Amino acid sequence: MVEKSLLDIMACPDCKGGVIEKDNKIICQNCGKKYPIRDGIPVMLVEEAEK
């Protein structure tokens, strides 16, 4: 689980929208891309995102 204080400063690398954590993924609230969390570390790479 990613700390709330970290989520508050994170943004989607593609559209710069705010993000939330759900189902072990970081989800952009603007464009909907889902970024994986591996070993507790968010992988915020556009190439790794699911649409």
Protein backbone atom coordinates (compact mmCIF):
# COMPACT_ATOMS: atom_id res chain seq x y z
CA MET A 1 0.00 0.00 0.00
CA VAL A 2 1.28 3.44 -0.98
CA GLU A 3 1.18 6.12 1.71
CA LYS A 4 -1.49 8.78 1.29
CA SER A 5 1.06 11.58 1.57
CA LEU A 6 2.90 10.09 -1.44
CA LEU A 7 -0.30 9.67 -3.45
CA ASP A 8 -1.13 13.33 -2.80
CA ILE A 9 2.01 14.48 -4.63
CA MET A 10 1.99 11.86 -7.41
CA ALA A 11 0.59 12.56 -10.87
CA CYS A 12 0.03 10.56 -14.02
CA PRO A 13 3.16 10.89 -16.17
CA ASP A 14 1.02 11.01 -19.32
CA CYS A 15 -1.72 13.57 -18.58
CA LYS A 16 -0.54 14.95 -15.20
CA GLY A 17 -3.88 14.05 -13.56
CA GLY A 18 -4.25 13.09 -9.90
CA VAL A 19 -4.01 9.42 -8.91
CA ILE A 20 -5.57 6.99 -6.45
CA GLU A 21 -4.61 3.49 -5.38
CA LYS A 22 -7.00 0.60 -6.00
CA ASP A 23 -6.51 -3.14 -6.41
CA ASN A 24 -2.70 -2.88 -6.14
CA LYS A 25 -2.55 -0.36 -8.99
CA ILE A 26 -2.14 3.41 -9.25
CA ILE A 27 -5.06 4.74 -11.28
CA CYS A 28 -5.20 8.15 -12.93
CA GLN A 29 -8.45 9.94 -12.14
CA ASN A 30 -8.24 11.91 -15.37
CA CYS A 31 -7.30 9.52 -18.20
CA GLY A 32 -7.91 6.20 -16.41
CA LYS A 33 -4.51 4.64 -17.04
CA LYS A 34 -3.52 1.99 -14.47
CA TYR A 35 0.08 1.75 -13.32
CA PRO A 36 1.31 -1.42 -11.56
CA ILE A 37 2.75 -1.58 -8.06
CA ARG A 38 5.60 -4.11 -7.86
CA ASP A 39 7.14 -5.07 -4.54
CA GLY A 40 5.47 -2.02 -2.98
CA ILE A 41 6.94 0.38 -5.56
CA PRO A 42 4.69 2.20 -8.05
CA VAL A 43 5.93 1.80 -11.62
CA MET A 44 4.91 5.15 -13.12
CA LEU A 45 6.03 4.52 -16.70
CA VAL A 46 3.62 5.21 -19.55
CA GLU A 47 4.92 2.08 -21.32
CA GLU A 48 3.87 -0.06 -18.31
CA ALA A 49 0.36 1.40 -18.01
CA GLU A 50 -2.87 -0.40 -18.83
CA LYS A 51 -5.60 1.56 -20.55
